[in-house]
């Protein structure tokens, strides 16, 4: 199943909601971007049963940025997220990052 993850903002990265197959977010590192770029980056991720991100890939569908820097920032940040353990060996979903000029 593919579920939506919280929308994140570039400056503070706070979750707007916290649901994904019963797994809550244990940690989501902050993300800093000092560019004047804005747009949306969608990252497809997969988790193992312990809540570790095992895959994180840029997803063109739903993304609006052309900046490779923002894509890399989002993918690298997504790899650092941790979730509560689950019963599934593998679960996949998305994290959507919204970058805004501050």
Protein backbone atom coordinates (compact mmCIF):
# COMPACT_ATOMS: atom_id res chain seq x y z
CA UNK A 1 0.00 0.00 0.00
CA UNK A 2 1.09 3.55 -0.66
CA UNK A 3 0.10 6.13 1.93
CA UNK A 4 0.78 9.84 2.22
CA UNK A 5 3.40 11.10 4.62
CA UNK A 6 3.41 14.48 6.29
CA UNK A 7 3.99 17.53 4.20
CA UNK A 8 7.26 19.12 5.24
CA UNK A 9 8.51 22.69 4.96
CA UNK A 10 12.11 23.52 4.26
CA UNK A 11 12.74 25.69 7.29
CA UNK A 12 11.15 23.83 10.17
CA UNK A 13 9.99 20.47 8.81
CA UNK A 14 7.04 19.97 11.12
CA UNK A 15 4.53 17.20 10.44
CA UNK A 16 1.07 18.31 9.38
CA UNK A 17 -0.28 14.87 10.23
CA UNK A 18 1.21 11.64 11.44
CA UNK A 19 -0.34 8.49 10.02
CA UNK A 20 0.98 5.76 7.81
CA UNK A 21 -0.31 2.26 8.30
CA UNK A 22 -0.27 2.75 12.07
CA UNK A 23 3.39 3.72 12.09
CA UNK A 24 4.26 7.02 13.65
CA UNK A 25 7.34 9.04 12.89
CA UNK A 26 10.02 8.47 15.53
CA UNK A 27 12.43 11.02 14.09
CA UNK A 28 12.58 13.28 11.08
CA UNK A 29 15.74 15.36 10.93
CA UNK A 30 15.41 19.04 10.16
CA UNK A 31 16.28 20.21 6.69
CA UNK A 32 17.99 23.50 5.93
CA UNK A 33 17.94 25.13 2.52
CA UNK A 34 19.55 28.52 2.01
CA UNK A 35 18.68 28.85 -1.68
CA UNK A 36 15.88 30.95 -3.09
CA UNK A 37 14.32 27.95 -4.80
CA UNK A 38 10.78 26.86 -4.15
CA UNK A 39 8.61 23.96 -5.15
CA UNK A 40 7.60 20.45 -4.22
CA UNK A 41 9.79 17.35 -4.08
CA UNK A 42 8.16 13.95 -3.72
CA UNK A 43 10.34 11.14 -2.38
CA UNK A 44 9.19 7.52 -2.54
CA UNK A 45 10.47 5.51 0.42
CA UNK A 46 10.30 1.95 1.69
CA UNK A 47 10.65 0.83 5.30
CA UNK A 48 11.72 -2.41 6.91
CA UNK A 49 9.74 -3.90 9.80
CA UNK A 50 11.98 -2.08 12.31
CA UNK A 51 11.01 1.33 10.91
CA UNK A 52 14.25 2.06 9.05
CA UNK A 53 14.15 3.66 5.60
CA UNK A 54 15.69 1.13 3.22
CA UNK A 55 15.00 3.00 -0.04
CA UNK A 56 14.50 6.67 -0.88
CA UNK A 57 14.09 7.81 -4.49
CA UNK A 58 13.04 11.04 -6.15
CA UNK A 59 9.60 10.71 -7.70
CA UNK A 60 8.87 12.88 -10.74
CA UNK A 61 5.10 12.55 -10.39
CA UNK A 62 3.92 15.30 -8.05
CA UNK A 63 7.30 17.06 -7.94
CA UNK A 64 7.57 20.60 -9.30
CA UNK A 65 11.23 21.49 -8.79
CA UNK A 66 13.96 21.54 -11.40
CA UNK A 67 16.76 22.06 -8.88
CA UNK A 68 18.97 19.01 -8.44
CA UNK A 69 20.09 20.50 -5.12
CA UNK A 70 16.56 20.40 -3.68
CA UNK A 71 16.00 16.86 -4.97
CA UNK A 72 19.24 15.71 -3.34
CA UNK A 73 18.43 17.49 -0.06
CA UNK A 74 15.02 15.83 0.11
CA UNK A 75 16.23 12.33 -0.78
CA UNK A 76 19.14 12.49 1.68
CA UNK A 77 16.82 13.80 4.41
CA UNK A 78 14.25 11.05 3.76
CA UNK A 79 16.93 8.38 4.23
CA UNK A 80 17.44 9.62 7.80
CA UNK A 81 13.81 9.31 8.94
CA UNK A 82 12.87 6.64 11.48
CA UNK A 83 9.41 5.17 12.05
CA UNK A 84 7.81 2.97 14.67
CA UNK A 85 8.23 -0.77 14.05
CA UNK A 86 5.47 -2.56 12.16
CA UNK A 87 4.45 -6.10 11.34
CA UNK A 88 5.07 -5.80 7.58
CA UNK A 89 8.49 -6.86 6.31
CA UNK A 90 8.37 -3.96 3.84
CA UNK A 91 6.08 -0.94 3.52
CA UNK A 92 6.37 1.82 0.95
CA UNK A 93 4.98 5.33 0.82
CA UNK A 94 5.91 8.91 0.07
CA UNK A 95 7.24 11.97 1.83
CA UNK A 96 6.36 15.30 0.23
CA UNK A 97 8.66 18.25 0.85
CA UNK A 98 7.41 21.78 0.14
CA UNK A 99 10.20 24.32 -0.22
CA UNK A 100 9.21 27.95 0.27
CA UNK A 101 11.28 31.09 -0.02
CA UNK A 102 11.72 32.52 3.45
